[in-house]
């Protein structure tokens, strides 16, 4: 087996799964047990008006994503997942997690139509 770009990218994907799983599971831990809602449904770095309302959904998204990625890591290290399976699971999970977070953040920050010339409401500090 010769070392080429494809093998390097596979290793990069696999090694990137470790910090991804840690970060996602840590976010779920913070939301569920520490009741820290500072990273719930952010849009442009701002939390929604009621982050506690969207916290269970964000925790579930992070818990499922982190759990699947941890399963992929275990499966690769144990040798029970072939390349096609683990790369599809990892890639699909990453994309689905990003899309679910995006959808939730847009749902938490509803689009408000304003009349022409009406000023935007000031952000509450």
PDB file of N, CA and C in Angstrom:
ATOM      1  N   UNK A   1       0.846  -1.169   0.000  1.00  0.00           N
ATOM      2  CA  UNK A   1       0.000   0.000   0.000  1.00  0.00           C
ATOM      3  C   UNK A   1       0.897   1.240   0.000  1.00  0.00           C
ATOM      4  N   UNK A   2       0.746   2.061  -1.009  1.00  0.00           N
ATOM      5  CA  UNK A   2       1.548   3.273  -1.141  1.00  0.00           C
ATOM      6  C   UNK A   2       0.834   4.443  -0.484  1.00  0.00           C
ATOM      7  N   UNK A   3       1.604   5.298   0.135  1.00  0.00           N
ATOM      8  CA  UNK A   3       1.051   6.483   0.782  1.00  0.00           C
ATOM      9  C   UNK A   3       0.733   7.521  -0.287  1.00  0.00           C
ATOM     10  N   UNK A   4      -0.524   7.937  -0.361  1.00  0.00           N
ATOM     11  CA  UNK A   4      -0.920   8.960  -1.327  1.00  0.00           C
ATOM     12  C   UNK A   4      -1.877   9.941  -0.649  1.00  0.00           C
ATOM     13  N   UNK A   5      -2.429  10.848  -1.439  1.00  0.00           N
ATOM     14  CA  UNK A   5      -3.296  11.894  -0.910  1.00  0.00           C
ATOM     15  C   UNK A   5      -4.560  11.303  -0.284  1.00  0.00           C
ATOM     16  N   UNK A   6      -5.120  10.265  -0.885  1.00  0.00           N
ATOM     17  CA  UNK A   6      -6.332   9.650  -0.354  1.00  0.00           C
ATOM     18  C   UNK A   6      -6.139   9.075   1.038  1.00  0.00           C
ATOM     19  N   UNK A   7      -5.020   8.419   1.248  1.00  0.00           N
ATOM     20  CA  UNK A   7      -4.735   7.845   2.566  1.00  0.00           C
ATOM     21  C   UNK A   7      -4.524   8.959   3.586  1.00  0.00           C
ATOM     22  N   UNK A   8      -3.843  10.034   3.184  1.00  0.00           N
ATOM     23  CA  UNK A   8      -3.632  11.161   4.098  1.00  0.00           C
ATOM     24  C   UNK A   8      -4.970  11.788   4.491  1.00  0.00           C
ATOM     25  N   UNK A   9      -5.879  11.946   3.549  1.00  0.00           N
ATOM     26  CA  UNK A   9      -7.190  12.520   3.852  1.00  0.00           C
ATOM     27  C   UNK A   9      -8.004  11.596   4.757  1.00  0.00           C
ATOM     28  N   UNK A  10      -7.900  10.293   4.561  1.00  0.00           N
ATOM     29  CA  UNK A  10      -8.595   9.349   5.443  1.00  0.00           C
ATOM     30  C   UNK A  10      -8.087   9.465   6.876  1.00  0.00           C
ATOM     31  N   UNK A  11      -6.785   9.571   7.034  1.00  0.00           N
ATOM     32  CA  UNK A  11      -6.218   9.724   8.368  1.00  0.00           C
ATOM     33  C   UNK A  11      -6.642  11.050   8.993  1.00  0.00           C
ATOM     34  N   UNK A  12      -6.662  12.103   8.200  1.00  0.00           N
ATOM     35  CA  UNK A  12      -7.098  13.403   8.713  1.00  0.00           C
ATOM     36  C   UNK A  12      -8.552  13.328   9.167  1.00  0.00           C
ATOM     37  N   UNK A  13      -9.416  12.697   8.367  1.00  0.00           N
ATOM     38  CA  UNK A  13     -10.819  12.541   8.755  1.00  0.00           C
ATOM     39  C   UNK A  13     -10.930  11.742  10.041  1.00  0.00           C
ATOM     40  N   UNK A  14     -10.218  10.625  10.125  1.00  0.00           N
ATOM     41  CA  UNK A  14     -10.314   9.792  11.321  1.00  0.00           C
ATOM     42  C   UNK A  14      -9.786  10.520  12.552  1.00  0.00           C
ATOM     43  N   UNK A  15      -8.650  11.177  12.445  1.00  0.00           N
ATOM     44  CA  UNK A  15      -8.090  11.876  13.603  1.00  0.00           C
ATOM     45  C   UNK A  15      -8.944  13.079  14.005  1.00  0.00           C
ATOM     46  N   UNK A  16      -9.634  13.675  13.054  1.00  0.00           N
ATOM     47  CA  UNK A  16     -10.516  14.804  13.369  1.00  0.00           C
ATOM     48  C   UNK A  16     -11.752  14.361  14.137  1.00  0.00           C
ATOM     49  N   UNK A  17     -12.097  13.080  14.075  1.00  0.00           N
ATOM     50  CA  UNK A  17     -13.275  12.596  14.790  1.00  0.00           C
ATOM     51  C   UNK A  17     -13.103  12.684  16.305  1.00  0.00           C
ATOM     52  N   UNK A  18     -11.886  12.583  16.808  1.00  0.00           N
ATOM     53  CA  UNK A  18     -11.659  12.635  18.250  1.00  0.00           C
ATOM     54  C   UNK A  18     -12.051  13.990  18.848  1.00  0.00           C
ATOM     55  N   UNK A  19     -11.522  15.121  18.349  1.00  0.00           N
ATOM     56  CA  UNK A  19     -11.951  16.398  18.932  1.00  0.00           C
ATOM     57  C   UNK A  19     -13.416  16.729  18.633  1.00  0.00           C
ATOM     58  N   UNK A  20     -13.929  16.273  17.493  1.00  0.00           N
ATOM     59  CA  UNK A  20     -15.334  16.519  17.170  1.00  0.00           C
ATOM     60  C   UNK A  20     -16.229  15.834  18.191  1.00  0.00           C
ATOM     61  N   UNK A  21     -15.978  14.564  18.469  1.00  0.00           N
ATOM     62  CA  UNK A  21     -16.794  13.831  19.446  1.00  0.00           C
ATOM     63  C   UNK A  21     -16.670  14.464  20.828  1.00  0.00           C
ATOM     64  N   UNK A  22     -15.463  14.827  21.217  1.00  0.00           N
ATOM     65  CA  UNK A  22     -15.270  15.455  22.523  1.00  0.00           C
ATOM     66  C   UNK A  22     -16.047  16.759  22.630  1.00  0.00           C
ATOM     67  N   UNK A  23     -15.943  17.597  21.637  1.00  0.00           N
ATOM     68  CA  UNK A  23     -16.598  18.906  21.665  1.00  0.00           C
ATOM     69  C   UNK A  23     -18.120  18.761  21.695  1.00  0.00           C
ATOM     70  N   UNK A  24     -18.674  17.893  20.857  1.00  0.00           N
ATOM     71  CA  UNK A  24     -20.125  17.725  20.815  1.00  0.00           C
ATOM     72  C   UNK A  24     -20.663  17.101  22.092  1.00  0.00           C
ATOM     73  N   UNK A  25     -19.985  16.107  22.632  1.00  0.00           N
ATOM     74  CA  UNK A  25     -20.437  15.494  23.881  1.00  0.00           C
ATOM     75  C   UNK A  25     -20.269  16.453  25.057  1.00  0.00           C
ATOM     76  N   UNK A  26     -19.233  17.269  25.026  1.00  0.00           N
ATOM     77  CA  UNK A  26     -19.051  18.274  26.076  1.00  0.00           C
ATOM     78  C   UNK A  26     -20.150  19.323  26.028  1.00  0.00           C
ATOM     79  N   UNK A  27     -20.549  19.738  24.829  1.00  0.00           N
ATOM     80  CA  UNK A  27     -21.664  20.691  24.717  1.00  0.00           C
ATOM     81  C   UNK A  27     -22.946  20.093  25.259  1.00  0.00           C
ATOM     82  N   UNK A  28     -23.222  18.829  24.961  1.00  0.00           N
ATOM     83  CA  UNK A  28     -24.418  18.171  25.484  1.00  0.00           C
ATOM     84  C   UNK A  28     -24.338  18.092  27.010  1.00  0.00           C
ATOM     85  N   UNK A  29     -23.178  17.761  27.547  1.00  0.00           N
ATOM     86  CA  UNK A  29     -22.992  17.694  28.999  1.00  0.00           C
ATOM     87  C   UNK A  29     -23.275  19.046  29.652  1.00  0.00           C
ATOM     88  N   UNK A  30     -22.729  20.102  29.059  1.00  0.00           N
ATOM     89  CA  UNK A  30     -22.939  21.439  29.619  1.00  0.00           C
ATOM     90  C   UNK A  30     -24.416  21.833  29.617  1.00  0.00           C
ATOM     91  N   UNK A  31     -25.117  21.499  28.563  1.00  0.00           N
ATOM     92  CA  UNK A  31     -26.531  21.869  28.470  1.00  0.00           C
ATOM     93  C   UNK A  31     -27.374  21.041  29.432  1.00  0.00           C
ATOM     94  N   UNK A  32     -27.139  19.738  29.470  1.00  0.00           N
ATOM     95  CA  UNK A  32     -27.991  18.851  30.267  1.00  0.00           C
ATOM     96  C   UNK A  32     -27.700  18.969  31.763  1.00  0.00           C
ATOM     97  N   UNK A  33     -26.448  18.895  32.160  1.00  0.00           N
ATOM     98  CA  UNK A  33     -26.117  18.808  33.577  1.00  0.00           C
ATOM     99  C   UNK A  33     -25.730  20.132  34.212  1.00  0.00           C
ATOM    100  N   UNK A  34     -25.079  20.992  33.483  1.00  0.00           N
ATOM    101  CA  UNK A  34     -24.653  22.274  34.057  1.00  0.00           C
ATOM    102  C   UNK A  34     -25.652  23.393  33.789  1.00  0.00           C
ATOM    103  N   UNK A  35     -26.651  23.124  32.961  1.00  0.00           N
ATOM    104  CA  UNK A  35     -27.686  24.101  32.618  1.00  0.00           C
ATOM    105  C   UNK A  35     -27.074  25.373  32.029  1.00  0.00           C
ATOM    106  N   UNK A  36     -26.033  25.194  31.214  1.00  0.00           N
ATOM    107  CA  UNK A  36     -25.355  26.305  30.552  1.00  0.00           C
ATOM    108  C   UNK A  36     -25.953  26.455  29.157  1.00  0.00           C
ATOM    109  N   UNK A  37     -26.723  27.506  28.957  1.00  0.00           N
ATOM    110  CA  UNK A  37     -27.414  27.717  27.684  1.00  0.00           C
ATOM    111  C   UNK A  37     -26.712  28.766  26.825  1.00  0.00           C
ATOM    112  N   UNK A  38     -25.453  29.028  27.075  1.00  0.00           N
ATOM    113  CA  UNK A  38     -24.747  30.075  26.341  1.00  0.00           C
ATOM    114  C   UNK A  38     -24.456  29.711  24.890  1.00  0.00           C
ATOM    115  N   UNK A  39     -24.494  28.425  24.539  1.00  0.00           N
ATOM    116  CA  UNK A  39     -24.211  28.009  23.163  1.00  0.00           C
ATOM    117  C   UNK A  39     -25.432  27.387  22.497  1.00  0.00           C
ATOM    118  N   UNK A  40     -26.606  27.738  22.944  1.00  0.00           N
ATOM    119  CA  UNK A  40     -27.838  27.159  22.406  1.00  0.00           C
ATOM    120  C   UNK A  40     -28.356  28.017  21.272  1.00  0.00           C
ATOM    121  N   UNK A  41     -28.504  27.438  20.087  1.00  0.00           N
ATOM    122  CA  UNK A  41     -29.140  28.061  18.923  1.00  0.00           C
ATOM    123  C   UNK A  41     -28.593  29.452  18.630  1.00  0.00           C
ATOM    124  N   UNK A  42     -27.282  29.568  18.528  1.00  0.00           N
ATOM    125  CA  UNK A  42     -26.665  30.857  18.248  1.00  0.00           C
ATOM    126  C   UNK A  42     -26.865  31.265  16.796  1.00  0.00           C
ATOM    127  N   UNK A  43     -27.129  32.553  16.605  1.00  0.00           N
ATOM    128  CA  UNK A  43     -27.184  33.121  15.264  1.00  0.00           C
ATOM    129  C   UNK A  43     -26.347  34.390  15.302  1.00  0.00           C
ATOM    130  N   UNK A  44     -25.260  34.387  14.556  1.00  0.00           N
ATOM    131  CA  UNK A  44     -24.286  35.480  14.555  1.00  0.00           C
ATOM    132  C   UNK A  44     -23.746  35.743  15.955  1.00  0.00           C
ATOM    133  N   UNK A  45     -23.590  34.678  16.722  1.00  0.00           N
ATOM    134  CA  UNK A  45     -23.026  34.770  18.051  1.00  0.00           C
ATOM    135  C   UNK A  45     -24.000  35.182  19.134  1.00  0.00           C
ATOM    136  N   UNK A  46     -25.248  35.431  18.780  1.00  0.00           N
ATOM    137  CA  UNK A  46     -26.251  35.872  19.744  1.00  0.00           C
ATOM    138  C   UNK A  46     -27.205  34.733  20.079  1.00  0.00           C
ATOM    139  N   UNK A  47     -27.480  34.506  21.372  1.00  0.00           N
ATOM    140  CA  UNK A  47     -28.459  33.477  21.739  1.00  0.00           C
ATOM    141  C   UNK A  47     -29.878  33.973  21.469  1.00  0.00           C
ATOM    142  N   UNK A  48     -30.843  33.072  21.378  1.00  0.00           N
ATOM    143  CA  UNK A  48     -32.229  33.496  21.170  1.00  0.00           C
ATOM    144  C   UNK A  48     -32.791  34.166  22.425  1.00  0.00           C
ATOM    145  N   UNK A  49     -33.988  34.707  22.304  1.00  0.00           N
ATOM    146  CA  UNK A  49     -34.622  35.385  23.428  1.00  0.00           C
ATOM    147  C   UNK A  49     -34.857  34.422  24.593  1.00  0.00           C
ATOM    148  N   UNK A  50     -35.223  33.187  24.310  1.00  0.00           N
ATOM    149  CA  UNK A  50     -35.471  32.185  25.343  1.00  0.00           C
ATOM    150  C   UNK A  50     -34.647  30.931  25.028  1.00  0.00           C
ATOM    151  N   UNK A  51     -33.351  30.927  25.407  1.00  0.00           N
ATOM    152  CA  UNK A  51     -32.515  29.778  25.051  1.00  0.00           C
ATOM    153  C   UNK A  51     -32.920  28.491  25.764  1.00  0.00           C
ATOM    154  N   UNK A  52     -33.553  28.596  26.922  1.00  0.00           N
ATOM    155  CA  UNK A  52     -33.962  27.398  27.655  1.00  0.00           C
ATOM    156  C   UNK A  52     -35.008  26.602  26.881  1.00  0.00           C
ATOM    157  N   UNK A  53     -35.791  27.278  26.061  1.00  0.00           N
ATOM    158  CA  UNK A  53     -36.817  26.621  25.251  1.00  0.00           C
ATOM    159  C   UNK A  53     -36.188  25.699  24.202  1.00  0.00           C
ATOM    160  N   UNK A  54     -35.041  26.089  23.673  1.00  0.00           N
ATOM    161  CA  UNK A  54     -34.395  25.331  22.600  1.00  0.00           C
ATOM    162  C   UNK A  54     -33.258  24.452  23.100  1.00  0.00           C
ATOM    163  N   UNK A  55     -32.968  24.484  24.388  1.00  0.00           N
ATOM    164  CA  UNK A  55     -31.868  23.705  24.960  1.00  0.00           C
ATOM    165  C   UNK A  55     -32.042  22.196  24.794  1.00  0.00           C
ATOM    166  N   UNK A  56     -33.239  21.618  25.004  1.00  0.00           N
ATOM    167  CA  UNK A  56     -33.346  20.160  24.834  1.00  0.00           C
ATOM    168  C   UNK A  56     -33.037  19.707  23.409  1.00  0.00           C
ATOM    169  N   UNK A  57     -33.427  20.499  22.439  1.00  0.00           N
ATOM    170  CA  UNK A  57     -33.173  20.134  21.042  1.00  0.00           C
ATOM    171  C   UNK A  57     -31.682  20.221  20.721  1.00  0.00           C
ATOM    172  N   UNK A  58     -31.031  21.264  21.191  1.00  0.00           N
ATOM    173  CA  UNK A  58     -29.592  21.399  20.971  1.00  0.00           C
ATOM    174  C   UNK A  58     -28.836  20.279  21.680  1.00  0.00           C
ATOM    175  N   UNK A  59     -29.254  19.949  22.899  1.00  0.00           N
ATOM    176  CA  UNK A  59     -28.600  18.865  23.631  1.00  0.00           C
ATOM    177  C   UNK A  59     -28.778  17.538  22.904  1.00  0.00           C
ATOM    178  N   UNK A  60     -29.970  17.283  22.395  1.00  0.00           N
ATOM    179  CA  UNK A  60     -30.222  16.038  21.670  1.00  0.00           C
ATOM    180  C   UNK A  60     -29.399  15.965  20.387  1.00  0.00           C
ATOM    181  N   UNK A  61     -29.321  17.057  19.655  1.00  0.00           N
ATOM    182  CA  UNK A  61     -28.516  17.083  18.427  1.00  0.00           C
ATOM    183  C   UNK A  61     -27.058  16.785  18.740  1.00  0.00           C
ATOM    184  N   UNK A  62     -26.514  17.424  19.777  1.00  0.00           N
ATOM    185  CA  UNK A  62     -25.115  17.212  20.145  1.00  0.00           C
ATOM    186  C   UNK A  62     -24.879  15.817  20.703  1.00  0.00           C
ATOM    187  N   UNK A  63     -25.828  15.309  21.485  1.00  0.00           N
ATOM    188  CA  UNK A  63     -25.677  13.976  22.063  1.00  0.00           C
ATOM    189  C   UNK A  63     -25.718  12.892  20.982  1.00  0.00           C
ATOM    190  N   UNK A  64     -26.647  13.008  20.055  1.00  0.00           N
ATOM    191  CA  UNK A  64     -26.716  12.030  18.960  1.00  0.00           C
ATOM    192  C   UNK A  64     -25.484  12.104  18.067  1.00  0.00           C
ATOM    193  N   UNK A  65     -25.099  13.317  17.691  1.00  0.00           N
ATOM    194  CA  UNK A  65     -23.919  13.473  16.842  1.00  0.00           C
ATOM    195  C   UNK A  65     -22.664  12.955  17.505  1.00  0.00           C
ATOM    196  N   UNK A  66     -22.446  13.330  18.759  1.00  0.00           N
ATOM    197  CA  UNK A  66     -21.268  12.871  19.486  1.00  0.00           C
ATOM    198  C   UNK A  66     -21.282  11.371  19.716  1.00  0.00           C
ATOM    199  N   UNK A  67     -22.461  10.815  19.970  1.00  0.00           N
ATOM    200  CA  UNK A  67     -22.576   9.370  20.173  1.00  0.00           C
ATOM    201  C   UNK A  67     -22.256   8.577  18.921  1.00  0.00           C
ATOM    202  N   UNK A  68     -22.764   9.031  17.778  1.00  0.00           N
ATOM    203  CA  UNK A  68     -22.479   8.333  16.521  1.00  0.00           C
ATOM    204  C   UNK A  68     -20.997   8.425  16.183  1.00  0.00           C
ATOM    205  N   UNK A  69     -20.404   9.592  16.382  1.00  0.00           N
ATOM    206  CA  UNK A  69     -18.975   9.750  16.085  1.00  0.00           C
ATOM    207  C   UNK A  69     -18.140   8.894  17.042  1.00  0.00           C
ATOM    208  N   UNK A  70     -18.519   8.824  18.314  1.00  0.00           N
ATOM    209  CA  UNK A  70     -17.802   7.953  19.257  1.00  0.00           C
ATOM    210  C   UNK A  70     -17.940   6.486  18.845  1.00  0.00           C
ATOM    211  N   UNK A  71     -19.118   6.095  18.360  1.00  0.00           N
ATOM    212  CA  UNK A  71     -19.309   4.725  17.861  1.00  0.00           C
ATOM    213  C   UNK A  71     -18.412   4.457  16.657  1.00  0.00           C
ATOM    214  N   UNK A  72     -18.293   5.423  15.764  1.00  0.00           N
ATOM    215  CA  UNK A  72     -17.423   5.263  14.596  1.00  0.00           C
ATOM    216  C   UNK A  72     -15.973   5.102  15.034  1.00  0.00           C
ATOM    217  N   UNK A  73     -15.533   5.913  15.991  1.00  0.00           N
ATOM    218  CA  UNK A  73     -14.157   5.795  16.488  1.00  0.00           C
ATOM    219  C   UNK A  73     -13.927   4.404  17.063  1.00  0.00           C
ATOM    220  N   UNK A  74     -14.854   3.945  17.902  1.00  0.00           N
ATOM    221  CA  UNK A  74     -14.731   2.609  18.480  1.00  0.00           C
ATOM    222  C   UNK A  74     -14.737   1.537  17.395  1.00  0.00           C
ATOM    223  N   UNK A  75     -15.618   1.677  16.415  1.00  0.00           N
ATOM    224  CA  UNK A  75     -15.710   0.688  15.348  1.00  0.00           C
ATOM    225  C   UNK A  75     -14.457   0.597  14.502  1.00  0.00           C
ATOM    226  N   UNK A  76     -13.830   1.737  14.249  1.00  0.00           N
ATOM    227  CA  UNK A  76     -12.593   1.732  13.466  1.00  0.00           C
ATOM    228  C   UNK A  76     -11.459   1.110  14.275  1.00  0.00           C
ATOM    229  N   UNK A  77     -11.342   1.513  15.526  1.00  0.00           N
ATOM    230  CA  UNK A  77     -10.262   0.979  16.359  1.00  0.00           C
ATOM    231  C   UNK A  77     -10.426  -0.508  16.637  1.00  0.00           C
ATOM    232  N   UNK A  78     -11.675  -0.984  16.733  1.00  0.00           N
ATOM    233  CA  UNK A  78     -11.929  -2.409  16.965  1.00  0.00           C
ATOM    234  C   UNK A  78     -11.868  -3.214  15.672  1.00  0.00           C
ATOM    235  N   UNK A  79     -11.877  -2.530  14.546  1.00  0.00           N
ATOM    236  CA  UNK A  79     -11.790  -3.217  13.262  1.00  0.00           C
ATOM    237  C   UNK A  79     -13.098  -3.825  12.794  1.00  0.00           C
ATOM    238  N   UNK A  80     -14.226  -3.359  13.317  1.00  0.00           N
ATOM    239  CA  UNK A  80     -15.516  -3.931  12.918  1.00  0.00           C
ATOM    240  C   UNK A  80     -16.225  -3.124  11.840  1.00  0.00           C
ATOM    241  N   UNK A  81     -15.742  -1.911  11.547  1.00  0.00           N
ATOM    242  CA  UNK A  81     -16.353  -1.091  10.503  1.00  0.00           C
ATOM    243  C   UNK A  81     -15.409  -0.983   9.308  1.00  0.00           C
ATOM    244  N   UNK A  82     -15.850  -1.394   8.134  1.00  0.00           N
ATOM    245  CA  UNK A  82     -15.009  -1.197   6.953  1.00  0.00           C
ATOM    246  C   UNK A  82     -14.946   0.284   6.581  1.00  0.00           C
ATOM    247  N   UNK A  83     -13.997   0.621   5.720  1.00  0.00           N
ATOM    248  CA  UNK A  83     -13.763   2.019   5.364  1.00  0.00           C
ATOM    249  C   UNK A  83     -15.006   2.709   4.830  1.00  0.00           C
ATOM    250  N   UNK A  84     -15.706   2.084   3.902  1.00  0.00           N
ATOM    251  CA  UNK A  84     -16.877   2.716   3.289  1.00  0.00           C
ATOM    252  C   UNK A  84     -17.945   3.024   4.332  1.00  0.00           C
ATOM    253  N   UNK A  85     -18.118   2.129   5.279  1.00  0.00           N
ATOM    254  CA  UNK A  85     -19.141   2.313   6.302  1.00  0.00           C
ATOM    255  C   UNK A  85     -18.777   3.435   7.262  1.00  0.00           C
ATOM    256  N   UNK A  86     -17.553   3.405   7.809  1.00  0.00           N
ATOM    257  CA  UNK A  86     -17.216   4.429   8.796  1.00  0.00           C
ATOM    258  C   UNK A  86     -17.084   5.803   8.181  1.00  0.00           C
ATOM    259  N   UNK A  87     -16.568   5.893   6.969  1.00  0.00           N
ATOM    260  CA  UNK A  87     -16.443   7.217   6.350  1.00  0.00           C
ATOM    261  C   UNK A  87     -17.820   7.780   6.004  1.00  0.00           C
ATOM    262  N   UNK A  88     -18.755   6.918   5.586  1.00  0.00           N
ATOM    263  CA  UNK A  88     -20.118   7.382   5.304  1.00  0.00           C
ATOM    264  C   UNK A  88     -20.823   7.805   6.592  1.00  0.00           C
ATOM    265  N   UNK A  89     -20.671   7.022   7.654  1.00  0.00           N
ATOM    266  CA  UNK A  89     -21.284   7.387   8.930  1.00  0.00           C
ATOM    267  C   UNK A  89     -20.718   8.700   9.469  1.00  0.00           C
ATOM    268  N   UNK A  90     -19.419   8.833   9.424  1.00  0.00           N
ATOM    269  CA  UNK A  90     -18.794  10.049   9.953  1.00  0.00           C
ATOM    270  C   UNK A  90     -19.176  11.273   9.130  1.00  0.00           C
ATOM    271  N   UNK A  91     -19.060  11.166   7.824  1.00  0.00           N
ATOM    272  CA  UNK A  91     -19.394  12.303   6.968  1.00  0.00           C
ATOM    273  C   UNK A  91     -20.861  12.685   7.045  1.00  0.00           C
ATOM    274  N   UNK A  92     -21.723  11.694   7.014  1.00  0.00           N
ATOM    275  CA  UNK A  92     -23.156  11.970   7.104  1.00  0.00           C
ATOM    276  C   UNK A  92     -23.542  12.583   8.436  1.00  0.00           C
ATOM    277  N   UNK A  93     -22.922  12.110   9.500  1.00  0.00           N
ATOM    278  CA  UNK A  93     -23.214  12.651  10.828  1.00  0.00           C
ATOM    279  C   UNK A  93     -22.752  14.098  10.941  1.00  0.00           C
ATOM    280  N   UNK A  94     -21.583  14.400  10.444  1.00  0.00           N
ATOM    281  CA  UNK A  94     -21.075  15.771  10.497  1.00  0.00           C
ATOM    282  C   UNK A  94     -21.993  16.710   9.726  1.00  0.00           C
ATOM    283  N   UNK A  95     -22.368  16.321   8.514  1.00  0.00           N
ATOM    284  CA  UNK A  95     -23.256  17.174   7.715  1.00  0.00           C
ATOM    285  C   UNK A  95     -24.628  17.328   8.352  1.00  0.00           C
ATOM    286  N   UNK A  96     -25.198  16.238   8.836  1.00  0.00           N
ATOM    287  CA  UNK A  96     -26.528  16.311   9.461  1.00  0.00           C
ATOM    288  C   UNK A  96     -26.495  17.157  10.723  1.00  0.00           C
ATOM    289  N   UNK A  97     -25.432  17.057  11.503  1.00  0.00           N
ATOM    290  CA  UNK A  97     -25.317  17.851  12.729  1.00  0.00           C
ATOM    291  C   UNK A  97     -25.220  19.330  12.393  1.00  0.00           C
ATOM    292  N   UNK A  98     -24.413  19.695  11.408  1.00  0.00           N
ATOM    293  CA  UNK A  98     -24.303  21.100  11.016  1.00  0.00           C
ATOM    294  C   UNK A  98     -25.637  21.635  10.493  1.00  0.00           C
ATOM    295  N   UNK A  99     -26.314  20.846   9.666  1.00  0.00           N
ATOM    296  CA  UNK A  99     -27.608  21.290   9.136  1.00  0.00           C
ATOM    297  C   UNK A  99     -28.661  21.396  10.233  1.00  0.00           C
ATOM    298  N   UNK A 100     -28.682  20.456  11.158  1.00  0.00           N
ATOM    299  CA  UNK A 100     -29.658  20.509  12.256  1.00  0.00           C
ATOM    300  C   UNK A 100     -29.401  21.726  13.146  1.00  0.00           C
ATOM    301  N   UNK A 101     -28.143  22.026  13.440  1.00  0.00           N
ATOM    302  CA  UNK A 101     -27.823  23.219  14.223  1.00  0.00           C
ATOM    303  C   UNK A 101     -28.244  24.487  13.487  1.00  0.00           C
ATOM    304  N   UNK A 102     -28.003  24.528  12.182  1.00  0.00           N
ATOM    305  CA  UNK A 102     -28.389  25.690  11.383  1.00  0.00           C
ATOM    306  C   UNK A 102     -29.904  25.871  11.389  1.00  0.00           C
ATOM    307  N   UNK A 103     -30.635  24.796  11.181  1.00  0.00           N
ATOM    308  CA  UNK A 103     -32.099  24.869  11.159  1.00  0.00           C
ATOM    309  C   UNK A 103     -32.630  25.314  12.517  1.00  0.00           C
ATOM    310  N   UNK A 104     -32.086  24.762  13.587  1.00  0.00           N
ATOM    311  CA  UNK A 104     -32.542  25.134  14.925  1.00  0.00           C
ATOM    312  C   UNK A 104     -32.235  26.601  15.233  1.00  0.00           C
ATOM    313  N   UNK A 105     -31.071  27.078  14.842  1.00  0.00           N
ATOM    314  CA  UNK A 105     -30.735  28.475  15.115  1.00  0.00           C
ATOM    315  C   UNK A 105     -31.633  29.418  14.327  1.00  0.00           C
ATOM    316  N   UNK A 106     -32.000  29.042  13.110  1.00  0.00           N
ATOM    317  CA  UNK A 106     -32.903  29.894  12.326  1.00  0.00           C
ATOM    318  C   UNK A 106     -34.324  29.838  12.867  1.00  0.00           C
ATOM    319  N   UNK A 107     -34.709  28.693  13.423  1.00  0.00           N
ATOM    320  CA  UNK A 107     -36.032  28.581  14.031  1.00  0.00           C
ATOM    321  C   UNK A 107     -36.104  29.380  15.338  1.00  0.00           C
ATOM    322  N   UNK A 108     -35.009  29.411  16.079  1.00  0.00           N
ATOM    323  CA  UNK A 108     -34.981  30.120  17.351  1.00  0.00           C
ATOM    324  C   UNK A 108     -34.947  31.635  17.169  1.00  0.00           C
ATOM    325  N   UNK A 109     -34.452  32.089  16.027  1.00  0.00           N
ATOM    326  CA  UNK A 109     -34.390  33.523  15.713  1.00  0.00           C
ATOM    327  C   UNK A 109     -35.318  33.775  14.532  1.00  0.00           C
ATOM    328  N   UNK A 110     -36.603  33.975  14.776  1.00  0.00           N
ATOM    329  CA  UNK A 110     -37.535  34.130  13.660  1.00  0.00           C
ATOM    330  C   UNK A 110     -37.258  35.398  12.854  1.00  0.00           C
ATOM    331  N   UNK A 111     -37.559  35.308  11.593  1.00  0.00           N
ATOM    332  CA  UNK A 111     -37.401  36.431  10.676  1.00  0.00           C
ATOM    333  C   UNK A 111     -38.571  37.383  10.896  1.00  0.00           C
ATOM    334  N   UNK A 112     -38.269  38.637  11.192  1.00  0.00           N
ATOM    335  CA  UNK A 112     -39.307  39.626  11.478  1.00  0.00           C
ATOM    336  C   UNK A 112     -39.301  40.659  10.371  1.00  0.00           C
ATOM    337  N   UNK A 113     -40.442  40.813   9.743  1.00  0.00           N
ATOM    338  CA  UNK A 113     -40.583  41.836   8.707  1.00  0.00           C
ATOM    339  C   UNK A 113     -40.845  43.185   9.358  1.00  0.00           C
ATOM    340  N   UNK A 114     -40.122  44.211   8.924  1.00  0.00           N
ATOM    341  CA  UNK A 114     -40.324  45.555   9.426  1.00  0.00           C
ATOM    342  C   UNK A 114     -40.743  46.454   8.274  1.00  0.00           C
ATOM    343  N   UNK A 115     -41.505  47.464   8.618  1.00  0.00           N
ATOM    344  CA  UNK A 115     -41.908  48.427   7.603  1.00  0.00           C
ATOM    345  C   UNK A 115     -40.710  49.276   7.226  1.00  0.00           C
ATOM    346  N   UNK A 116     -40.758  49.800   6.022  1.00  0.00           N
ATOM    347  CA  UNK A 116     -39.660  50.622   5.536  1.00  0.00           C
ATOM    348  C   UNK A 116     -39.504  51.853   6.428  1.00  0.00           C
ATOM    349  N   UNK A 117     -38.301  52.110   6.862  1.00  0.00           N
ATOM    350  CA  UNK A 117     -38.015  53.256   7.710  1.00  0.00           C
ATOM    351  C   UNK A 117     -38.109  52.952   9.190  1.00  0.00           C
ATOM    352  N   UNK A 118     -38.616  51.791   9.559  1.00  0.00           N
ATOM    353  CA  UNK A 118     -38.726  51.411  10.969  1.00  0.00           C
ATOM    354  C   UNK A 118     -37.372  50.905  11.450  1.00  0.00           C
ATOM    355  N   UNK A 119     -36.967  51.356  12.604  1.00  0.00           N
ATOM    356  CA  UNK A 119     -35.657  50.993  13.151  1.00  0.00           C
ATOM    357  C   UNK A 119     -35.716  49.593  13.749  1.00  0.00           C
ATOM    358  N   UNK A 120     -34.588  48.918  13.696  1.00  0.00           N
ATOM    359  CA  UNK A 120     -34.484  47.590  14.307  1.00  0.00           C
ATOM    360  C   UNK A 120     -34.485  47.736  15.817  1.00  0.00           C
ATOM    361  N   UNK A 121     -35.099  46.784  16.525  1.00  0.00           N
ATOM    362  CA  UNK A 121     -35.099  46.870  17.996  1.00  0.00           C
ATOM    363  C   UNK A 121     -33.688  46.744  18.546  1.00  0.00           C
ATOM    364  N   UNK A 122     -33.433  47.468  19.610  1.00  0.00           N
ATOM    365  CA  UNK A 122     -32.104  47.452  20.236  1.00  0.00           C
ATOM    366  C   UNK A 122     -31.911  46.129  20.959  1.00  0.00           C
ATOM    367  N   UNK A 123     -30.692  45.626  20.912  1.00  0.00           N
ATOM    368  CA  UNK A 123     -30.378  44.366  21.600  1.00  0.00           C
ATOM    369  C   UNK A 123     -30.352  44.596  23.105  1.00  0.00           C
ATOM    370  N   UNK A 124     -30.990  43.710  23.843  1.00  0.00           N
ATOM    371  CA  UNK A 124     -31.017  43.826  25.303  1.00  0.00           C
ATOM    372  C   UNK A 124     -29.709  43.288  25.877  1.00  0.00           C
ATOM    373  N   UNK A 125     -29.118  44.039  26.768  1.00  0.00           N
ATOM    374  CA  UNK A 125     -27.860  43.614  27.385  1.00  0.00           C
ATOM    375  C   UNK A 125     -28.077  42.955  28.683  1.00  0.00           C
TER     376      UNK A 125
END
